[in-house]
Amino acid sequence: MKPESTSRRYFGITRSKGKMYELGLPEESHIAVPEGVEPAALFPLSIGTLVDASAALNDVADVQSGLAEDLRDDIGFAASFFDAYLGSRFDTTVTREVTLLASASYFLGQRPGSSLVLARRLSVEGGSAIERLAIWVLRADWRQPPNLDGHWLTGVLHEIAFRLTNHFNDGAPTQAVVEMLSELRRLTYASGTSREVVLAEVASAIVRLRLAGSAWSLLPGFSGLDSGAWAEAIRRPGFPKELWPSQKLLGKAGLFSGRSGVVQMPTSAGKTRSVEVILRSAFLADRTRVAVLVAPFRALCHEIATSLRQAFKGEDVKVNELSDALQLDFVDQLAELFGQDAPATRHLMVLTPEKLLYVLRQEPSLVTHIGMVVYDEGHQFDTGPRGITYELLLTEIKGLLQASAQTVLISAVIKNAVAVGTWLIGTEPNVVDGTGLLSTARSVAFATWSERLGQL
């Protein structure tokens, strides 16, 4: 099912109406819906696209690659329409159903951030049991299964929810879940209503994608460590039970197994969690006892250090946030690292490049313990005088570090990633291009004052 010109026109009207509510325009200034135009006419196309995408995922043996490109474009259109219809307030009596459809469409279209925002608006209470299951797997709250009583499919639904809870909390095998999903689809197609068929297809596809992205399944392969090594970390409340598309890309590029690389990753794509996984994999594999995270600004260092302290809270990892003052104010914090013996405790240093260079010059012995360096905000290379300073500092730091140290440079936008990677890492720069992996949908507006009130 492909959206044609009429469908796109209806969608444009719906989105415009929603944006006017979002921007707080008085209703008398809203766009007039042309006579004969009924945006709800897009529901059959959009729901059909969602079901087609769900069935495509349910019918393949391996869902890791996700949807084909043309179907991904179609599901993106469906997700945007559902979302726009919610904002347009054309019919508030179907808000729960449309929110579910929008969240599911975003998730199948690899927009996990947008999907989760919408799913959190939904309560797992109310509706049919199969609807509650679909909402529960969209919310991904695996602490306990929902109440699925009072439905002719209760037995199958309970089994699916129970096994999912066991997997995401304890890493239990998933094969039985896949078999139960097939049984759920078979039963609904044989005896269910059209609504139940749609919900069964959608819920099954979401579950299969959740399992395909499970940290329990992916991290051992990406890092070269068994699931037992990761178990304690994955069970932590804040650790991602499921890897987002950007994190899967890093795993495939070998960054979780010790390979260096230049990462292009847009804001909101999961950068903070990705850095945590990179650091954890190095510590768990015992490739290093000391890791360094370099950020160009003091305020950013503080933000990163605060996040990492929370991530490693209660673990044998010391997060040291050093001041940017070029003075010997770090001796007490890093005393354990001075000397030839490897430190007993894992250390994570967060500091500016100027401070790192100063520390290495004052205590050259420290460099023997540093096995990983992560440079954040790599696009600062292109920001005038500050960029030149940043580049010169990194050049000196690179000369001091051991050749075996893993080096990762992360940037939201960097034009010459290959050239930077070749300079920083070597002849195999290992550029990881995740620029198209946005977790949320974005809208771009151009402002003009060619008229009295201005336009967006």
Protein backbone atom coordinates (compact mmCIF):
# COMPACT_ATOMS: atom_id res chain seq x y z
CA MET A 1 0.00 0.00 0.00
CA LYS A 2 1.58 3.24 -1.15
CA PRO A 3 0.41 6.74 -0.17
CA GLU A 4 -0.42 8.68 -3.32
CA SER A 5 -0.82 12.43 -3.87
CA THR A 6 -4.32 12.60 -2.37
CA SER A 7 -3.20 10.72 0.72
CA ARG A 8 -0.24 13.02 1.16
CA ARG A 9 -2.50 16.06 0.76
CA TYR A 10 -4.83 14.76 3.48
CA PHE A 11 -1.83 14.08 5.67
CA GLY A 12 -0.48 17.59 5.09
CA ILE A 13 -3.79 19.12 6.19
CA THR A 14 -3.88 16.90 9.28
CA ARG A 15 -0.32 17.76 10.27
CA SER A 16 -0.89 21.48 9.70
CA LYS A 17 -3.94 21.39 11.96
CA GLY A 18 -1.95 19.64 14.68
CA LYS A 19 0.95 22.10 14.43
CA MET A 20 -1.46 24.99 14.88
CA TYR A 21 -2.65 23.51 18.15
CA GLU A 22 0.94 22.79 19.14
CA LEU A 23 2.01 26.39 18.49
CA GLY A 24 -0.98 27.75 20.43
CA LEU A 25 -2.70 29.57 17.58
CA PRO A 26 -6.30 30.63 18.23
CA GLU A 27 -8.76 28.31 16.49
CA GLU A 28 -10.13 31.11 14.30
CA SER A 29 -6.66 31.34 12.73
CA HIS A 30 -6.42 27.61 11.99
CA ILE A 31 -6.28 26.20 8.50
CA ALA A 32 -9.73 25.61 7.00
CA VAL A 33 -10.29 21.96 6.10
CA PRO A 34 -11.49 21.96 2.47
CA GLU A 35 -14.99 20.70 1.77
CA GLY A 36 -15.04 17.01 1.01
CA VAL A 37 -11.69 16.35 2.70
CA GLU A 38 -11.93 13.79 5.47
CA PRO A 39 -8.52 13.04 7.06
CA ALA A 40 -9.95 9.92 8.74
CA ALA A 41 -10.10 8.40 5.26
CA LEU A 42 -6.38 7.69 5.66
CA PHE A 43 -6.97 5.18 8.46
CA PRO A 44 -7.54 2.13 6.19
CA LEU A 45 -4.31 2.85 4.30
CA SER A 46 -2.28 3.53 7.44
CA ILE A 47 -3.61 0.57 9.42
CA GLY A 48 -3.14 -1.68 6.38
CA THR A 49 0.48 -0.50 6.10
CA LEU A 50 1.07 -1.23 9.79
CA VAL A 51 -0.37 -4.73 9.45
CA ASP A 52 1.65 -5.40 6.28
CA ALA A 53 4.85 -4.31 8.03
CA SER A 54 4.02 -6.43 11.08
CA ALA A 55 3.27 -9.50 8.96
CA ALA A 56 6.51 -9.02 7.01
CA LEU A 57 8.48 -9.12 10.26
CA ASN A 58 6.48 -12.03 11.67
CA ASP A 59 6.99 -14.14 8.55
CA VAL A 60 10.81 -13.94 8.37
CA ALA A 61 13.13 -16.20 10.31
CA ASP A 62 15.55 -13.40 11.25
CA VAL A 63 14.22 -9.90 11.99
CA GLN A 64 17.61 -8.33 12.76
CA SER A 65 17.69 -6.46 9.46
CA GLY A 66 14.26 -4.97 10.10
CA LEU A 67 11.94 -3.86 7.29
CA ALA A 68 12.82 -3.44 3.65
CA GLU A 69 13.57 0.17 2.71
CA ASP A 70 10.33 0.79 0.80
CA LEU A 71 8.21 -0.68 3.59
CA ARG A 72 10.15 1.37 6.15
CA ASP A 73 9.21 4.52 4.23
CA ASP A 74 5.56 3.45 4.18
CA ILE A 75 5.46 2.70 7.90
CA GLY A 76 7.09 6.09 8.51
CA PHE A 77 4.20 7.73 6.66
CA ALA A 78 1.67 5.74 8.71
CA ALA A 79 3.36 6.67 11.99
CA SER A 80 3.46 10.34 11.06
CA PHE A 81 -0.23 10.30 10.10
CA PHE A 82 -1.32 8.64 13.35
CA ASP A 83 0.77 11.11 15.34
CA ALA A 84 -0.55 14.08 13.35
CA TYR A 85 -4.15 12.89 13.78
CA LEU A 86 -3.66 12.88 17.55
CA GLY A 87 -2.40 16.45 17.42
CA SER A 88 -5.17 17.64 15.09
CA ARG A 89 -7.92 16.74 17.60
CA PHE A 90 -10.30 15.82 14.78
CA ASP A 91 -11.71 12.96 16.88
CA THR A 92 -10.67 12.66 20.53
CA THR A 93 -12.86 9.58 21.10
CA VAL A 94 -10.24 7.33 19.46
CA THR A 95 -7.18 8.77 21.22
CA ARG A 96 -6.19 5.51 22.96
CA GLU A 97 -6.42 3.41 19.81
CA VAL A 98 -4.59 5.94 17.62
CA THR A 99 -1.87 6.44 20.22
CA LEU A 100 -1.27 2.68 20.26
CA LEU A 101 -1.12 2.56 16.45
CA ALA A 102 1.24 5.54 16.31
CA SER A 103 3.57 4.10 18.95
CA ALA A 104 3.66 0.71 17.21
CA SER A 105 4.33 2.29 13.81
CA TYR A 106 7.20 4.38 15.14
CA PHE A 107 8.71 1.32 16.78
CA LEU A 108 8.55 -0.81 13.63
CA GLY A 109 10.02 2.11 11.70
CA GLN A 110 13.07 2.25 14.03
CA ARG A 111 12.01 5.35 15.94
CA PRO A 112 12.16 3.90 19.47
CA GLY A 113 12.27 7.30 21.16
CA SER A 114 9.06 8.58 19.56
CA SER A 115 7.43 5.21 20.18
CA LEU A 116 8.24 5.24 23.89
CA VAL A 117 7.01 8.82 24.37
CA LEU A 118 3.60 7.84 23.00
CA ALA A 119 3.48 4.46 24.75
CA ARG A 120 3.97 6.11 28.14
CA ARG A 121 0.74 8.03 27.60
CA LEU A 122 -1.15 4.73 27.60
CA SER A 123 -2.29 2.83 30.64
CA VAL A 124 -1.95 -0.95 30.67
CA GLU A 125 -5.30 -1.06 32.45
CA GLY A 126 -8.51 -1.16 30.43
CA GLY A 127 -9.20 -2.51 26.97
CA SER A 128 -8.97 -6.14 25.93
CA ALA A 129 -6.21 -8.44 27.16
CA ILE A 130 -4.52 -8.53 23.76
CA GLU A 131 -4.56 -4.71 23.67
CA ARG A 132 -3.01 -4.61 27.15
CA LEU A 133 -0.26 -6.97 25.98
CA ALA A 134 0.50 -4.73 22.99
CA ILE A 135 0.72 -1.64 25.22
CA TRP A 136 2.88 -3.48 27.76
CA VAL A 137 5.47 -4.57 25.17
CA LEU A 138 5.53 -1.03 23.71
CA ARG A 139 6.21 0.43 27.17
CA ALA A 140 8.88 -2.27 27.76
CA ASP A 141 8.35 -2.27 31.51
CA TRP A 142 9.56 -5.78 32.25
CA ARG A 143 9.30 -5.65 36.05
CA GLN A 144 6.10 -7.69 36.05
CA PRO A 145 3.59 -8.91 33.46
CA PRO A 146 0.23 -7.13 33.09
CA ASN A 147 -3.18 -8.48 34.05
CA LEU A 148 -4.33 -10.45 31.01
CA ASP A 149 -7.37 -12.20 32.46
CA GLY A 150 -10.86 -12.23 30.95
CA HIS A 151 -10.05 -13.10 27.34
CA TRP A 152 -10.39 -16.25 25.29
CA LEU A 153 -6.65 -15.99 24.52
CA THR A 154 -5.65 -15.48 28.16
CA GLY A 155 -3.62 -18.71 28.37
CA VAL A 156 -1.41 -17.89 25.38
CA LEU A 157 -1.07 -14.22 26.36
CA HIS A 158 -0.06 -15.12 29.92
CA GLU A 159 2.59 -17.53 28.63
CA ILE A 160 4.07 -14.90 26.30
CA ALA A 161 4.17 -12.24 29.03
CA PHE A 162 5.64 -14.62 31.61
CA ARG A 163 8.44 -15.78 29.28
CA LEU A 164 9.22 -12.22 28.18
CA THR A 165 9.56 -11.13 31.81
CA ASN A 166 11.95 -14.01 32.48
CA HIS A 167 14.04 -13.22 29.44
CA PHE A 168 14.52 -9.49 30.00
CA ASN A 169 15.10 -9.89 33.73
CA ASP A 170 17.23 -13.04 33.76
CA GLY A 171 18.21 -13.86 30.18
CA ALA A 172 15.93 -16.91 29.80
CA PRO A 173 15.83 -18.53 26.31
CA THR A 174 13.51 -16.96 23.73
CA GLN A 175 12.62 -19.83 21.39
CA ALA A 176 9.45 -20.69 23.31
CA VAL A 177 8.30 -17.05 23.03
CA VAL A 178 8.61 -17.13 19.24
CA GLU A 179 6.61 -20.37 19.13
CA MET A 180 3.87 -18.88 21.31
CA LEU A 181 3.66 -15.83 19.04
CA SER A 182 3.05 -18.10 16.07
CA GLU A 183 0.31 -19.84 18.05
CA LEU A 184 -1.26 -16.48 18.94
CA ARG A 185 -1.40 -15.47 15.28
CA ARG A 186 -2.82 -18.83 14.24
CA LEU A 187 -5.61 -18.65 16.81
CA THR A 188 -6.62 -15.06 16.03
CA TYR A 189 -6.71 -15.68 12.29
CA ALA A 190 -8.83 -18.79 12.88
CA SER A 191 -11.30 -17.44 15.42
CA GLY A 192 -10.58 -13.79 16.25
CA THR A 193 -12.18 -10.54 15.21
CA SER A 194 -10.53 -8.21 12.72
CA ARG A 195 -9.43 -6.00 15.63
CA GLU A 196 -7.82 -8.98 17.37
CA VAL A 197 -6.02 -9.98 14.17
CA VAL A 198 -4.52 -6.50 13.86
CA LEU A 199 -3.46 -6.40 17.52
CA ALA A 200 -2.02 -9.93 17.36
CA GLU A 201 0.07 -9.12 14.26
CA VAL A 202 1.30 -5.83 15.72
CA ALA A 203 2.07 -7.22 19.19
CA SER A 204 3.91 -10.21 17.69
CA ALA A 205 6.08 -8.00 15.48
CA ILE A 206 6.95 -5.71 18.39
CA VAL A 207 7.91 -8.67 20.58
CA ARG A 208 10.08 -10.17 17.86
CA LEU A 209 11.90 -6.87 17.36
CA ARG A 210 12.33 -6.50 21.13
CA LEU A 211 13.88 -9.96 21.32
CA ALA A 212 16.11 -9.27 18.31
CA GLY A 213 17.47 -6.20 20.09
CA SER A 214 17.77 -7.79 23.52
CA ALA A 215 20.97 -6.94 25.37
CA TRP A 216 21.05 -10.52 26.66
CA SER A 217 21.24 -11.80 23.08
CA LEU A 218 23.43 -9.17 21.40
CA LEU A 219 26.05 -8.01 23.90
CA PRO A 220 27.81 -11.38 24.29
CA GLY A 221 28.34 -11.60 20.53
CA PHE A 222 29.34 -7.96 20.14
CA SER A 223 31.80 -8.00 23.04
CA GLY A 224 33.20 -11.53 22.94
CA LEU A 225 32.08 -12.09 26.55
CA ASP A 226 29.52 -14.62 27.71
CA SER A 227 26.12 -13.57 29.04
CA GLY A 228 27.23 -14.32 32.59
CA ALA A 229 29.79 -11.51 32.42
CA TRP A 230 27.04 -9.08 31.41
CA ALA A 231 24.33 -10.38 33.75
CA GLU A 232 24.94 -8.01 36.66
CA ALA A 233 25.06 -4.95 34.40
CA ILE A 234 21.96 -5.87 32.39
CA ARG A 235 19.97 -6.44 35.58
CA ARG A 236 20.71 -2.90 36.76
CA PRO A 237 17.54 -0.74 36.59
CA GLY A 238 19.07 1.96 34.40
CA PHE A 239 20.94 -0.27 31.96
CA PRO A 240 19.27 -0.77 28.54
CA LYS A 241 17.61 -4.16 28.34
CA GLU A 242 17.39 -3.59 24.60
CA LEU A 243 19.91 -2.00 22.23
CA TRP A 244 18.72 0.84 20.01
CA PRO A 245 19.62 0.82 16.28
CA SER A 246 22.61 3.13 16.87
CA GLN A 247 24.00 0.85 19.58
CA LYS A 248 23.63 -2.19 17.34
CA LEU A 249 25.64 -0.33 14.71
CA LEU A 250 28.47 0.26 17.20
CA GLY A 251 28.42 -3.40 18.19
CA LYS A 252 28.65 -4.54 14.57
CA ALA A 253 31.58 -2.16 14.03
CA GLY A 254 33.50 -3.86 16.85
CA LEU A 255 33.57 -0.97 19.33
CA PHE A 256 32.27 -3.23 22.13
CA SER A 257 35.12 -5.68 21.53
CA GLY A 258 37.98 -3.18 21.68
CA ARG A 259 38.21 -1.78 18.17
CA SER A 260 38.86 1.95 17.72
CA GLY A 261 36.56 4.09 15.60
CA VAL A 262 35.03 7.44 14.65
CA VAL A 263 31.32 7.56 15.42
CA GLN A 264 28.84 9.89 13.74
CA MET A 265 25.74 9.82 15.92
CA PRO A 266 23.00 12.47 16.04
CA THR A 267 21.68 13.92 19.27
CA SER A 268 19.01 11.73 20.95
CA ALA A 269 20.24 8.59 19.16
CA GLY A 270 21.45 7.00 22.41
CA LYS A 271 25.00 8.36 22.65
CA THR A 272 25.23 8.40 26.47
CA ARG A 273 24.17 4.77 26.80
CA SER A 274 26.45 3.80 23.93
CA VAL A 275 29.43 5.30 25.72
CA GLU A 276 28.46 3.42 28.88
CA VAL A 277 28.34 0.10 26.99
CA ILE A 278 31.74 0.79 25.37
CA LEU A 279 33.26 1.53 28.79
CA ARG A 280 31.63 -1.48 30.45
CA SER A 281 32.80 -3.86 27.75
CA ALA A 282 36.40 -2.67 28.20
CA PHE A 283 36.21 -3.08 31.99
CA LEU A 284 34.45 -6.47 31.87
CA ALA A 285 36.96 -7.84 29.34
CA ASP A 286 39.77 -6.47 31.55
CA ARG A 287 41.30 -4.68 28.56
CA THR A 288 41.98 -1.72 30.82
CA ARG A 289 41.71 -0.57 34.43
CA VAL A 290 41.73 3.10 33.45
CA ALA A 291 39.51 4.78 30.85
CA VAL A 292 39.46 8.46 29.94
CA LEU A 293 36.57 10.46 28.57
CA VAL A 294 37.57 13.81 27.08
CA ALA A 295 35.04 16.59 26.46
CA PRO A 296 35.91 20.08 25.22
CA PHE A 297 34.01 22.07 27.86
CA ARG A 298 33.96 22.01 31.65
CA ALA A 299 30.16 22.10 31.83
CA LEU A 300 29.91 19.13 29.48
CA CYS A 301 32.46 17.22 31.57
CA HIS A 302 30.31 17.78 34.64
CA GLU A 303 27.17 16.58 32.84
CA ILE A 304 28.88 13.44 31.56
CA ALA A 305 30.49 12.65 34.92
CA THR A 306 27.16 12.99 36.72
CA SER A 307 25.53 10.59 34.27
CA LEU A 308 28.35 8.04 34.55
CA ARG A 309 28.37 8.20 38.36
CA GLN A 310 24.72 7.22 38.30
CA ALA A 311 25.36 4.47 35.75
CA PHE A 312 28.22 2.90 37.77
CA LYS A 313 26.77 3.59 41.21
CA GLY A 314 27.58 0.80 43.67
CA GLU A 315 30.17 -0.81 41.38
CA ASP A 316 33.93 -1.08 41.63
CA VAL A 317 34.44 1.91 39.34
CA LYS A 318 35.68 5.32 40.46
CA VAL A 319 34.44 8.20 38.32
CA ASN A 320 36.93 11.06 38.71
CA GLU A 321 35.86 14.45 37.38
CA LEU A 322 38.97 16.62 37.32
CA SER A 323 38.83 20.41 37.32
CA ASP A 324 40.04 22.29 34.27
CA ALA A 325 42.57 24.28 36.32
CA LEU A 326 46.16 23.61 35.21
CA GLN A 327 47.44 22.79 38.66
CA LEU A 328 48.28 19.73 40.76
CA ASP A 329 44.81 19.30 42.25
CA PHE A 330 44.42 15.70 41.09
CA VAL A 331 47.11 13.96 43.14
CA ASP A 332 44.81 12.69 45.87
CA GLN A 333 42.14 11.54 43.42
CA LEU A 334 44.54 9.60 41.20
CA ALA A 335 47.21 8.52 43.72
CA GLU A 336 46.49 4.84 43.09
CA LEU A 337 47.36 5.26 39.40
CA PHE A 338 50.88 6.59 39.90
CA GLY A 339 53.38 3.77 39.57
CA GLN A 340 54.01 0.72 37.45
CA ASP A 341 51.52 -1.67 39.07
CA ALA A 342 48.03 -1.82 37.59
CA PRO A 343 45.42 -0.30 39.95
CA ALA A 344 43.12 -2.67 41.83
CA THR A 345 40.09 -0.44 41.21
CA ARG A 346 38.75 0.58 37.80
CA HIS A 347 39.05 4.29 37.16
CA LEU A 348 37.11 6.50 34.77
CA MET A 349 38.52 9.99 34.32
CA VAL A 350 36.35 12.76 32.84
CA LEU A 351 38.24 15.91 31.91
CA THR A 352 39.02 18.50 29.24
CA PRO A 353 41.85 17.91 26.73
CA GLU A 354 43.91 20.68 28.30
CA LYS A 355 43.68 19.00 31.70
CA LEU A 356 44.48 15.55 30.31
CA LEU A 357 47.59 16.83 28.58
CA TYR A 358 48.65 18.58 31.79
CA VAL A 359 48.12 15.42 33.86
CA LEU A 360 50.11 13.26 31.42
CA ARG A 361 52.99 15.74 31.42
CA GLN A 362 53.08 15.89 35.21
CA GLU A 363 52.68 12.13 35.74
CA PRO A 364 53.99 10.29 32.64
CA SER A 365 53.62 6.92 34.38
CA LEU A 366 49.85 7.26 34.17
CA VAL A 367 49.87 6.63 30.43
CA THR A 368 50.86 2.97 30.92
CA HIS A 369 47.51 2.27 32.60
CA ILE A 370 45.22 4.06 30.12
CA GLY A 371 43.68 1.51 27.77
CA MET A 372 40.79 3.55 26.41
CA VAL A 373 40.14 7.17 25.45
CA VAL A 374 36.76 8.49 24.32
CA TYR A 375 36.68 11.95 22.73
CA ASP A 376 33.26 13.57 22.81
CA GLU A 377 32.00 16.40 20.55
CA GLY A 378 34.55 15.69 17.82
CA HIS A 379 32.97 18.28 15.52
CA GLN A 380 34.71 20.94 17.66
CA PHE A 381 37.60 20.50 15.21
CA ASP A 382 35.67 22.78 12.86
CA THR A 383 34.92 25.63 15.26
CA GLY A 384 37.53 28.29 14.59
CA PRO A 385 40.27 28.98 17.16
CA ARG A 386 38.83 26.52 19.67
CA GLY A 387 38.85 23.80 17.03
CA ILE A 388 42.51 24.43 16.23
CA THR A 389 43.39 24.26 19.93
CA TYR A 390 41.39 21.04 20.36
CA GLU A 391 43.15 19.44 17.38
CA LEU A 392 46.61 20.41 18.61
CA LEU A 393 45.86 19.07 22.08
CA LEU A 394 44.64 15.76 20.70
CA THR A 395 47.73 15.51 18.53
CA GLU A 396 49.97 15.76 21.60
CA ILE A 397 47.78 13.36 23.62
CA LYS A 398 47.83 10.85 20.76
CA GLY A 399 51.64 10.90 20.79
CA LEU A 400 51.73 10.13 24.51
CA LEU A 401 49.20 7.26 24.55
CA GLN A 402 50.12 3.64 23.94
CA ALA A 403 49.43 2.36 20.43
CA SER A 404 47.27 -0.44 21.86
CA ALA A 405 44.82 1.94 23.57
CA GLN A 406 41.29 1.91 22.15
CA THR A 407 40.41 5.34 20.78
CA VAL A 408 36.81 6.39 20.09
CA LEU A 409 35.83 9.81 18.75
CA ILE A 410 32.12 10.68 18.84
CA SER A 411 30.45 13.52 16.99
CA ALA A 412 26.92 14.46 15.99
CA VAL A 413 28.09 16.07 12.75
CA ILE A 414 31.58 15.76 11.29
CA LYS A 415 32.20 16.40 7.60
CA ASN A 416 35.57 14.70 7.17
CA ALA A 417 35.15 11.61 9.36
CA VAL A 418 37.45 9.42 7.25
CA ALA A 419 40.26 12.00 7.28
CA VAL A 420 39.91 12.56 11.03
CA GLY A 421 39.82 8.82 11.64
CA THR A 422 42.93 8.21 9.54
CA TRP A 423 44.79 10.94 11.46
CA LEU A 424 43.61 9.84 14.91
CA ILE A 425 43.48 6.05 14.55
CA GLY A 426 45.47 4.98 11.51
CA THR A 427 45.02 3.57 8.03
CA GLU A 428 41.81 1.76 9.06
CA PRO A 429 39.73 4.59 10.58
CA ASN A 430 36.59 2.44 11.10
CA VAL A 431 34.01 5.18 10.56
CA VAL A 432 30.60 4.29 12.03
CA ASP A 433 27.96 6.33 10.21
CA GLY A 434 24.81 6.53 12.29
CA THR A 435 23.63 9.92 11.03
CA GLY A 436 20.35 8.48 9.75
CA LEU A 437 19.48 6.69 12.98
CA LEU A 438 17.24 9.16 14.77
CA SER A 439 15.28 7.77 17.71
CA THR A 440 12.63 10.46 17.31
CA ALA A 441 10.96 12.14 14.37
CA ARG A 442 11.90 15.74 13.73
CA SER A 443 10.13 18.66 12.12
CA VAL A 444 11.96 21.48 10.39
CA ALA A 445 10.38 24.90 9.91
CA PHE A 446 11.58 27.96 8.02
CA ALA A 447 10.51 31.34 9.37
CA THR A 448 9.57 34.20 7.05
CA TRP A 449 8.34 37.71 7.75
CA SER A 450 7.27 38.49 4.21
CA GLU A 451 3.74 39.00 5.58
CA ARG A 452 2.56 41.09 8.49
CA LEU A 453 2.26 38.23 11.01
CA GLY A 454 5.10 36.07 9.73
CA GLN A 455 4.92 32.42 8.76
CA LEU A 456 6.54 29.10 9.63
